[in-house]
Amino acid sequence: MMITKEKTASIVAEFGKEFGASEKDSGCAAVQVAILTERINNLKEHFGSHKHDYSSNRGLLKMIGRRRRLLKYVSTENEDNYKSLIKKLGLRK
């Protein structure tokens, strides 16, 4: 359910090169959105078999809200980065 350090490091390296200053820039908003998207997708799989896990559902909703706010920030800073991030992550179909 949790993403491993190696998976997080690979996400940071992949998105850091494209959107951030370096491969280790985990504070970049685009990198944070990518990490949150991975965590949200893992929780979606969890809810397939645990439909009544309401405390995890609350955490999921908080993560979705945080990702929404970060995406709003990215869209106000650079529209081109926002569009490429959305396309790469498969959001907003």
PDB file of N, CA and C in Angstrom:
ATOM      1  N   MET A   1       0.827  -1.187   0.000  1.00  0.00           N
ATOM      2  CA  MET A   1       0.000   0.000   0.000  1.00  0.00           C
ATOM      3  C   MET A   1       0.869   1.247   0.000  1.00  0.00           C
ATOM      4  N   MET A   2       1.895   1.286   0.815  1.00  0.00           N
ATOM      5  CA  MET A   2       2.801   2.432   0.833  1.00  0.00           C
ATOM      6  C   MET A   2       3.769   2.310  -0.347  1.00  0.00           C
ATOM      7  N   ILE A   3       4.222   3.435  -0.837  1.00  0.00           N
ATOM      8  CA  ILE A   3       5.225   3.369  -1.886  1.00  0.00           C
ATOM      9  C   ILE A   3       6.601   3.335  -1.227  1.00  0.00           C
ATOM     10  N   THR A   4       7.497   2.594  -1.836  1.00  0.00           N
ATOM     11  CA  THR A   4       8.815   2.397  -1.252  1.00  0.00           C
ATOM     12  C   THR A   4       9.706   3.608  -1.519  1.00  0.00           C
ATOM     13  N   LYS A   5      10.823   3.656  -0.811  1.00  0.00           N
ATOM     14  CA  LYS A   5      11.783   4.742  -1.018  1.00  0.00           C
ATOM     15  C   LYS A   5      12.342   4.710  -2.432  1.00  0.00           C
ATOM     16  N   GLU A   6      12.535   3.520  -2.962  1.00  0.00           N
ATOM     17  CA  GLU A   6      13.074   3.386  -4.315  1.00  0.00           C
ATOM     18  C   GLU A   6      12.084   3.918  -5.345  1.00  0.00           C
ATOM     19  N   LYS A   7      10.798   3.615  -5.143  1.00  0.00           N
ATOM     20  CA  LYS A   7       9.767   4.108  -6.060  1.00  0.00           C
ATOM     21  C   LYS A   7       9.675   5.628  -5.986  1.00  0.00           C
ATOM     22  N   THR A   8       9.745   6.170  -4.767  1.00  0.00           N
ATOM     23  CA  THR A   8       9.716   7.621  -4.596  1.00  0.00           C
ATOM     24  C   THR A   8      10.927   8.258  -5.253  1.00  0.00           C
ATOM     25  N   ALA A   9      12.093   7.654  -5.082  1.00  0.00           N
ATOM     26  CA  ALA A   9      13.308   8.192  -5.689  1.00  0.00           C
ATOM     27  C   ALA A   9      13.228   8.164  -7.209  1.00  0.00           C
ATOM     28  N   SER A  10      12.625   7.123  -7.771  1.00  0.00           N
ATOM     29  CA  SER A  10      12.504   7.055  -9.227  1.00  0.00           C
ATOM     30  C   SER A  10      11.524   8.108  -9.737  1.00  0.00           C
ATOM     31  N   ILE A  11      10.454   8.359  -8.991  1.00  0.00           N
ATOM     32  CA  ILE A  11       9.504   9.406  -9.374  1.00  0.00           C
ATOM     33  C   ILE A  11      10.173  10.775  -9.313  1.00  0.00           C
ATOM     34  N   VAL A  12      10.933  11.009  -8.248  1.00  0.00           N
ATOM     35  CA  VAL A  12      11.630  12.292  -8.091  1.00  0.00           C
ATOM     36  C   VAL A  12      12.636  12.481  -9.217  1.00  0.00           C
ATOM     37  N   ALA A  13      13.375  11.426  -9.569  1.00  0.00           N
ATOM     38  CA  ALA A  13      14.357  11.540 -10.640  1.00  0.00           C
ATOM     39  C   ALA A  13      13.686  11.799 -11.984  1.00  0.00           C
ATOM     40  N   GLU A  14      12.591  11.096 -12.244  1.00  0.00           N
ATOM     41  CA  GLU A  14      11.902  11.233 -13.529  1.00  0.00           C
ATOM     42  C   GLU A  14      11.280  12.613 -13.690  1.00  0.00           C
ATOM     43  N   PHE A  15      10.521  13.046 -12.684  1.00  0.00           N
ATOM     44  CA  PHE A  15       9.816  14.314 -12.795  1.00  0.00           C
ATOM     45  C   PHE A  15      10.717  15.493 -12.441  1.00  0.00           C
ATOM     46  N   GLY A  16      11.752  15.254 -11.642  1.00  0.00           N
ATOM     47  CA  GLY A  16      12.665  16.326 -11.277  1.00  0.00           C
ATOM     48  C   GLY A  16      13.444  16.839 -12.471  1.00  0.00           C
ATOM     49  N   LYS A  17      13.868  15.903 -13.338  1.00  0.00           N
ATOM     50  CA  LYS A  17      14.598  16.312 -14.534  1.00  0.00           C
ATOM     51  C   LYS A  17      13.716  17.140 -15.456  1.00  0.00           C
ATOM     52  N   GLU A  18      12.465  16.749 -15.575  1.00  0.00           N
ATOM     53  CA  GLU A  18      11.579  17.406 -16.538  1.00  0.00           C
ATOM     54  C   GLU A  18      11.006  18.717 -16.010  1.00  0.00           C
ATOM     55  N   PHE A  19      10.634  18.763 -14.730  1.00  0.00           N
ATOM     56  CA  PHE A  19       9.932  19.931 -14.212  1.00  0.00           C
ATOM     57  C   PHE A  19      10.717  20.726 -13.172  1.00  0.00           C
ATOM     58  N   GLY A  20      11.677  20.092 -12.516  1.00  0.00           N
ATOM     59  CA  GLY A  20      12.385  20.755 -11.425  1.00  0.00           C
ATOM     60  C   GLY A  20      13.765  21.223 -11.824  1.00  0.00           C
ATOM     61  N   ALA A  21      14.535  21.586 -10.834  1.00  0.00           N
ATOM     62  CA  ALA A  21      15.887  22.077 -11.067  1.00  0.00           C
ATOM     63  C   ALA A  21      16.885  20.930 -11.215  1.00  0.00           C
ATOM     64  N   SER A  22      16.666  19.836 -10.505  1.00  0.00           N
ATOM     65  CA  SER A  22      17.606  18.719 -10.570  1.00  0.00           C
ATOM     66  C   SER A  22      16.859  17.411 -10.335  1.00  0.00           C
ATOM     67  N   GLU A  23      17.620  16.323 -10.395  1.00  0.00           N
ATOM     68  CA  GLU A  23      17.034  14.998 -10.185  1.00  0.00           C
ATOM     69  C   GLU A  23      16.637  14.759  -8.739  1.00  0.00           C
ATOM     70  N   LYS A  24      17.184  15.541  -7.814  1.00  0.00           N
ATOM     71  CA  LYS A  24      16.905  15.333  -6.393  1.00  0.00           C
ATOM     72  C   LYS A  24      15.994  16.404  -5.814  1.00  0.00           C
ATOM     73  N   ASP A  25      15.325  17.151  -6.671  1.00  0.00           N
ATOM     74  CA  ASP A  25      14.453  18.235  -6.231  1.00  0.00           C
ATOM     75  C   ASP A  25      13.076  17.672  -5.913  1.00  0.00           C
ATOM     76  N   SER A  26      12.904  17.174  -4.697  1.00  0.00           N
ATOM     77  CA  SER A  26      11.622  16.577  -4.313  1.00  0.00           C
ATOM     78  C   SER A  26      10.633  17.633  -3.829  1.00  0.00           C
ATOM     79  N   GLY A  27      11.062  18.870  -3.686  1.00  0.00           N
ATOM     80  CA  GLY A  27      10.177  19.927  -3.225  1.00  0.00           C
ATOM     81  C   GLY A  27       9.430  20.622  -4.337  1.00  0.00           C
ATOM     82  N   CYS A  28       9.779  20.330  -5.561  1.00  0.00           N
ATOM     83  CA  CYS A  28       9.105  20.925  -6.708  1.00  0.00           C
ATOM     84  C   CYS A  28       7.634  20.489  -6.691  1.00  0.00           C
ATOM     85  N   ALA A  29       6.742  21.417  -6.992  1.00  0.00           N
ATOM     86  CA  ALA A  29       5.310  21.120  -6.920  1.00  0.00           C
ATOM     87  C   ALA A  29       4.919  19.998  -7.878  1.00  0.00           C
ATOM     88  N   ALA A  30       5.514  19.965  -9.061  1.00  0.00           N
ATOM     89  CA  ALA A  30       5.184  18.911 -10.022  1.00  0.00           C
ATOM     90  C   ALA A  30       5.604  17.541  -9.505  1.00  0.00           C
ATOM     91  N   VAL A  31       6.735  17.473  -8.835  1.00  0.00           N
ATOM     92  CA  VAL A  31       7.201  16.202  -8.265  1.00  0.00           C
ATOM     93  C   VAL A  31       6.276  15.775  -7.136  1.00  0.00           C
ATOM     94  N   GLN A  32       5.853  16.714  -6.315  1.00  0.00           N
ATOM     95  CA  GLN A  32       4.931  16.389  -5.227  1.00  0.00           C
ATOM     96  C   GLN A  32       3.602  15.883  -5.766  1.00  0.00           C
ATOM     97  N   VAL A  33       3.129  16.471  -6.869  1.00  0.00           N
ATOM     98  CA  VAL A  33       1.890  16.002  -7.494  1.00  0.00           C
ATOM     99  C   VAL A  33       2.062  14.572  -7.982  1.00  0.00           C
ATOM    100  N   ALA A  34       3.202  14.264  -8.580  1.00  0.00           N
ATOM    101  CA  ALA A  34       3.448  12.911  -9.081  1.00  0.00           C
ATOM    102  C   ALA A  34       3.487  11.894  -7.936  1.00  0.00           C
ATOM    103  N   ILE A  35       4.120  12.257  -6.827  1.00  0.00           N
ATOM    104  CA  ILE A  35       4.182  11.347  -5.673  1.00  0.00           C
ATOM    105  C   ILE A  35       2.788  11.147  -5.090  1.00  0.00           C
ATOM    106  N   LEU A  36       2.026  12.221  -4.955  1.00  0.00           N
ATOM    107  CA  LEU A  36       0.659  12.098  -4.434  1.00  0.00           C
ATOM    108  C   LEU A  36      -0.211  11.258  -5.357  1.00  0.00           C
ATOM    109  N   THR A  37      -0.025  11.393  -6.660  1.00  0.00           N
ATOM    110  CA  THR A  37      -0.806  10.600  -7.610  1.00  0.00           C
ATOM    111  C   THR A  37      -0.506   9.119  -7.440  1.00  0.00           C
ATOM    112  N   GLU A  38       0.751   8.779  -7.241  1.00  0.00           N
ATOM    113  CA  GLU A  38       1.120   7.378  -7.018  1.00  0.00           C
ATOM    114  C   GLU A  38       0.478   6.850  -5.740  1.00  0.00           C
ATOM    115  N   ARG A  39       0.513   7.644  -4.671  1.00  0.00           N
ATOM    116  CA  ARG A  39      -0.090   7.217  -3.404  1.00  0.00           C
ATOM    117  C   ARG A  39      -1.611   7.074  -3.545  1.00  0.00           C
ATOM    118  N   ILE A  40      -2.244   7.986  -4.274  1.00  0.00           N
ATOM    119  CA  ILE A  40      -3.696   7.926  -4.476  1.00  0.00           C
ATOM    120  C   ILE A  40      -4.062   6.684  -5.270  1.00  0.00           C
ATOM    121  N   ASN A  41      -3.292   6.375  -6.303  1.00  0.00           N
ATOM    122  CA  ASN A  41      -3.579   5.178  -7.094  1.00  0.00           C
ATOM    123  C   ASN A  41      -3.431   3.908  -6.268  1.00  0.00           C
ATOM    124  N   ASN A  42      -2.451   3.886  -5.363  1.00  0.00           N
ATOM    125  CA  ASN A  42      -2.301   2.721  -4.480  1.00  0.00           C
ATOM    126  C   ASN A  42      -3.501   2.585  -3.553  1.00  0.00           C
ATOM    127  N   LEU A  43      -4.004   3.701  -3.045  1.00  0.00           N
ATOM    128  CA  LEU A  43      -5.165   3.633  -2.154  1.00  0.00           C
ATOM    129  C   LEU A  43      -6.428   3.228  -2.907  1.00  0.00           C
ATOM    130  N   LYS A  44      -6.536   3.581  -4.173  1.00  0.00           N
ATOM    131  CA  LYS A  44      -7.696   3.155  -4.955  1.00  0.00           C
ATOM    132  C   LYS A  44      -7.756   1.635  -5.033  1.00  0.00           C
ATOM    133  N   GLU A  45      -6.594   1.004  -5.203  1.00  0.00           N
ATOM    134  CA  GLU A  45      -6.546  -0.461  -5.228  1.00  0.00           C
ATOM    135  C   GLU A  45      -6.957  -1.039  -3.875  1.00  0.00           C
ATOM    136  N   HIS A  46      -6.564  -0.373  -2.797  1.00  0.00           N
ATOM    137  CA  HIS A  46      -6.895  -0.824  -1.444  1.00  0.00           C
ATOM    138  C   HIS A  46      -8.405  -0.824  -1.231  1.00  0.00           C
ATOM    139  N   PHE A  47      -9.084   0.182  -1.749  1.00  0.00           N
ATOM    140  CA  PHE A  47     -10.520   0.282  -1.534  1.00  0.00           C
ATOM    141  C   PHE A  47     -11.318  -0.714  -2.375  1.00  0.00           C
ATOM    142  N   GLY A  48     -10.666  -1.374  -3.293  1.00  0.00           N
ATOM    143  CA  GLY A  48     -11.349  -2.420  -4.041  1.00  0.00           C
ATOM    144  C   GLY A  48     -11.765  -3.577  -3.147  1.00  0.00           C
ATOM    145  N   SER A  49     -10.957  -3.876  -2.131  1.00  0.00           N
ATOM    146  CA  SER A  49     -11.271  -4.987  -1.246  1.00  0.00           C
ATOM    147  C   SER A  49     -11.673  -4.554   0.156  1.00  0.00           C
ATOM    148  N   HIS A  50     -11.482  -3.285   0.501  1.00  0.00           N
ATOM    149  CA  HIS A  50     -11.830  -2.781   1.832  1.00  0.00           C
ATOM    150  C   HIS A  50     -12.762  -1.577   1.695  1.00  0.00           C
ATOM    151  N   LYS A  51     -13.999  -1.848   1.372  1.00  0.00           N
ATOM    152  CA  LYS A  51     -14.949  -0.782   1.065  1.00  0.00           C
ATOM    153  C   LYS A  51     -15.348   0.042   2.285  1.00  0.00           C
ATOM    154  N   HIS A  52     -15.263  -0.510   3.465  1.00  0.00           N
ATOM    155  CA  HIS A  52     -15.723   0.186   4.669  1.00  0.00           C
ATOM    156  C   HIS A  52     -14.569   0.750   5.502  1.00  0.00           C
ATOM    157  N   ASP A  53     -13.437   0.972   4.892  1.00  0.00           N
ATOM    158  CA  ASP A  53     -12.283   1.550   5.587  1.00  0.00           C
ATOM    159  C   ASP A  53     -12.412   3.077   5.533  1.00  0.00           C
ATOM    160  N   TYR A  54     -13.177   3.622   6.456  1.00  0.00           N
ATOM    161  CA  TYR A  54     -13.524   5.038   6.400  1.00  0.00           C
ATOM    162  C   TYR A  54     -12.378   5.944   6.811  1.00  0.00           C
ATOM    163  N   SER A  55     -11.507   5.503   7.704  1.00  0.00           N
ATOM    164  CA  SER A  55     -10.392   6.354   8.107  1.00  0.00           C
ATOM    165  C   SER A  55      -9.385   6.510   6.969  1.00  0.00           C
ATOM    166  N   SER A  56      -9.160   5.464   6.221  1.00  0.00           N
ATOM    167  CA  SER A  56      -8.283   5.586   5.056  1.00  0.00           C
ATOM    168  C   SER A  56      -8.943   6.418   3.969  1.00  0.00           C
ATOM    169  N   ASN A  57     -10.267   6.351   3.899  1.00  0.00           N
ATOM    170  CA  ASN A  57     -10.991   7.152   2.914  1.00  0.00           C
ATOM    171  C   ASN A  57     -10.809   8.636   3.202  1.00  0.00           C
ATOM    172  N   ARG A  58     -10.796   9.001   4.472  1.00  0.00           N
ATOM    173  CA  ARG A  58     -10.578  10.397   4.842  1.00  0.00           C
ATOM    174  C   ARG A  58      -9.172  10.836   4.438  1.00  0.00           C
ATOM    175  N   GLY A  59      -8.189   9.976   4.661  1.00  0.00           N
ATOM    176  CA  GLY A  59      -6.823  10.283   4.239  1.00  0.00           C
ATOM    177  C   GLY A  59      -6.717  10.434   2.734  1.00  0.00           C
ATOM    178  N   LEU A  60      -7.453   9.590   2.005  1.00  0.00           N
ATOM    179  CA  LEU A  60      -7.476   9.689   0.548  1.00  0.00           C
ATOM    180  C   LEU A  60      -8.039  11.033   0.106  1.00  0.00           C
ATOM    181  N   LEU A  61      -9.124  11.454   0.719  1.00  0.00           N
ATOM    182  CA  LEU A  61      -9.732  12.738   0.359  1.00  0.00           C
ATOM    183  C   LEU A  61      -8.806  13.909   0.678  1.00  0.00           C
ATOM    184  N   LYS A  62      -8.057  13.810   1.770  1.00  0.00           N
ATOM    185  CA  LYS A  62      -7.095  14.858   2.106  1.00  0.00           C
ATOM    186  C   LYS A  62      -5.967  14.916   1.069  1.00  0.00           C
ATOM    187  N   MET A  63      -5.506  13.749   0.618  1.00  0.00           N
ATOM    188  CA  MET A  63      -4.469  13.715  -0.407  1.00  0.00           C
ATOM    189  C   MET A  63      -4.970  14.289  -1.728  1.00  0.00           C
ATOM    190  N   ILE A  64      -6.211  13.978  -2.081  1.00  0.00           N
ATOM    191  CA  ILE A  64      -6.788  14.511  -3.311  1.00  0.00           C
ATOM    192  C   ILE A  64      -6.883  16.031  -3.238  1.00  0.00           C
ATOM    193  N   GLY A  65      -7.267  16.553  -2.084  1.00  0.00           N
ATOM    194  CA  GLY A  65      -7.341  17.995  -1.912  1.00  0.00           C
ATOM    195  C   GLY A  65      -5.979  18.654  -1.998  1.00  0.00           C
ATOM    196  N   ARG A  66      -4.966  18.029  -1.407  1.00  0.00           N
ATOM    197  CA  ARG A  66      -3.608  18.573  -1.471  1.00  0.00           C
ATOM    198  C   ARG A  66      -3.106  18.577  -2.905  1.00  0.00           C
ATOM    199  N   ARG A  67      -3.380  17.479  -3.640  1.00  0.00           N
ATOM    200  CA  ARG A  67      -2.964  17.410  -5.042  1.00  0.00           C
ATOM    201  C   ARG A  67      -3.677  18.464  -5.880  1.00  0.00           C
ATOM    202  N   ARG A  68      -4.952  18.689  -5.595  1.00  0.00           N
ATOM    203  CA  ARG A  68      -5.714  19.708  -6.315  1.00  0.00           C
ATOM    204  C   ARG A  68      -5.123  21.096  -6.100  1.00  0.00           C
ATOM    205  N   ARG A  69      -4.750  21.408  -4.845  1.00  0.00           N
ATOM    206  CA  ARG A  69      -4.154  22.715  -4.549  1.00  0.00           C
ATOM    207  C   ARG A  69      -2.797  22.869  -5.220  1.00  0.00           C
ATOM    208  N   LEU A  70      -1.991  21.807  -5.208  1.00  0.00           N
ATOM    209  CA  LEU A  70      -0.688  21.875  -5.869  1.00  0.00           C
ATOM    210  C   LEU A  70      -0.842  22.037  -7.378  1.00  0.00           C
ATOM    211  N   LEU A  71      -1.816  21.355  -7.965  1.00  0.00           N
ATOM    212  CA  LEU A  71      -2.058  21.508  -9.400  1.00  0.00           C
ATOM    213  C   LEU A  71      -2.506  22.926  -9.735  1.00  0.00           C
ATOM    214  N   LYS A  72      -3.299  23.512  -8.870  1.00  0.00           N
ATOM    215  CA  LYS A  72      -3.721  24.895  -9.085  1.00  0.00           C
ATOM    216  C   LYS A  72      -2.520  25.828  -9.052  1.00  0.00           C
ATOM    217  N   TYR A  73      -1.585  25.578  -8.116  1.00  0.00           N
ATOM    218  CA  TYR A  73      -0.369  26.381  -8.031  1.00  0.00           C
ATOM    219  C   TYR A  73       0.477  26.226  -9.296  1.00  0.00           C
ATOM    220  N   VAL A  74       0.645  24.997  -9.765  1.00  0.00           N
ATOM    221  CA  VAL A  74       1.442  24.754 -10.973  1.00  0.00           C
ATOM    222  C   VAL A  74       0.800  25.448 -12.168  1.00  0.00           C
ATOM    223  N   SER A  75      -0.522  25.429 -12.245  1.00  0.00           N
ATOM    224  CA  SER A  75      -1.195  26.058 -13.390  1.00  0.00           C
ATOM    225  C   SER A  75      -1.034  27.572 -13.378  1.00  0.00           C
ATOM    226  N   THR A  76      -0.975  28.185 -12.196  1.00  0.00           N
ATOM    227  CA  THR A  76      -0.796  29.633 -12.145  1.00  0.00           C
ATOM    228  C   THR A  76       0.652  30.034 -12.428  1.00  0.00           C
ATOM    229  N   GLU A  77       1.607  29.167 -12.101  1.00  0.00           N
ATOM    230  CA  GLU A  77       3.015  29.490 -12.314  1.00  0.00           C
ATOM    231  C   GLU A  77       3.426  29.322 -13.771  1.00  0.00           C
ATOM    232  N   ASN A  78       3.075  28.184 -14.379  1.00  0.00           N
ATOM    233  CA  ASN A  78       3.502  27.913 -15.747  1.00  0.00           C
ATOM    234  C   ASN A  78       2.479  26.997 -16.408  1.00  0.00           C
ATOM    235  N   GLU A  79       1.729  27.542 -17.349  1.00  0.00           N
ATOM    236  CA  GLU A  79       0.648  26.801 -18.002  1.00  0.00           C
ATOM    237  C   GLU A  79       1.177  25.620 -18.821  1.00  0.00           C
ATOM    238  N   ASP A  80       2.332  25.783 -19.460  1.00  0.00           N
ATOM    239  CA  ASP A  80       2.897  24.695 -20.268  1.00  0.00           C
ATOM    240  C   ASP A  80       3.311  23.510 -19.401  1.00  0.00           C
ATOM    241  N   ASN A  81       3.949  23.792 -18.261  1.00  0.00           N
ATOM    242  CA  ASN A  81       4.314  22.712 -17.339  1.00  0.00           C
ATOM    243  C   ASN A  81       3.070  22.006 -16.817  1.00  0.00           C
ATOM    244  N   TYR A  82       2.022  22.764 -16.546  1.00  0.00           N
ATOM    245  CA  TYR A  82       0.770  22.188 -16.056  1.00  0.00           C
ATOM    246  C   TYR A  82       0.181  21.222 -17.077  1.00  0.00           C
ATOM    247  N   LYS A  83       0.123  21.650 -18.333  1.00  0.00           N
ATOM    248  CA  LYS A  83      -0.467  20.800 -19.372  1.00  0.00           C
ATOM    249  C   LYS A  83       0.346  19.530 -19.595  1.00  0.00           C
ATOM    250  N   SER A  84       1.675  19.664 -19.582  1.00  0.00           N
ATOM    251  CA  SER A  84       2.495  18.469 -19.780  1.00  0.00           C
ATOM    252  C   SER A  84       2.426  17.537 -18.568  1.00  0.00           C
ATOM    253  N   LEU A  85       2.313  18.102 -17.365  1.00  0.00           N
ATOM    254  CA  LEU A  85       2.186  17.283 -16.160  1.00  0.00           C
ATOM    255  C   LEU A  85       0.879  16.502 -16.167  1.00  0.00           C
ATOM    256  N   ILE A  86      -0.202  17.180 -16.512  1.00  0.00           N
ATOM    257  CA  ILE A  86      -1.516  16.521 -16.579  1.00  0.00           C
ATOM    258  C   ILE A  86      -1.503  15.390 -17.602  1.00  0.00           C
ATOM    259  N   LYS A  87      -0.886  15.661 -18.741  1.00  0.00           N
ATOM    260  CA  LYS A  87      -0.834  14.648 -19.789  1.00  0.00           C
ATOM    261  C   LYS A  87       0.016  13.449 -19.365  1.00  0.00           C
ATOM    262  N   LYS A  88       1.154  13.732 -18.723  1.00  0.00           N
ATOM    263  CA  LYS A  88       2.062  12.653 -18.321  1.00  0.00           C
ATOM    264  C   LYS A  88       1.469  11.772 -17.224  1.00  0.00           C
ATOM    265  N   LEU A  89       0.720  12.387 -16.309  1.00  0.00           N
ATOM    266  CA  LEU A  89       0.122  11.621 -15.205  1.00  0.00           C
ATOM    267  C   LEU A  89      -1.226  11.000 -15.575  1.00  0.00           C
ATOM    268  N   GLY A  90      -1.822  11.443 -16.666  1.00  0.00           N
ATOM    269  CA  GLY A  90      -3.121  10.898 -17.066  1.00  0.00           C
ATOM    270  C   GLY A  90      -4.271  11.433 -16.253  1.00  0.00           C
ATOM    271  N   LEU A  91      -4.182  12.691 -15.819  1.00  0.00           N
ATOM    272  CA  LEU A  91      -5.250  13.315 -15.052  1.00  0.00           C
ATOM    273  C   LEU A  91      -6.112  14.181 -15.964  1.00  0.00           C
ATOM    274  N   ARG A  92      -7.282  14.534 -15.497  1.00  0.00           N
ATOM    275  CA  ARG A  92      -8.196  15.443 -16.195  1.00  0.00           C
ATOM    276  C   ARG A  92      -8.484  14.984 -17.624  1.00  0.00           C
ATOM    277  N   LYS A  93      -9.095  13.854 -17.735  1.00  0.00           N
ATOM    278  CA  LYS A  93      -9.352  13.265 -19.039  1.00  0.00           C
ATOM    279  C   LYS A  93     -10.426  13.979 -19.795  1.00  0.00           C
TER     280      LYS A  93
END
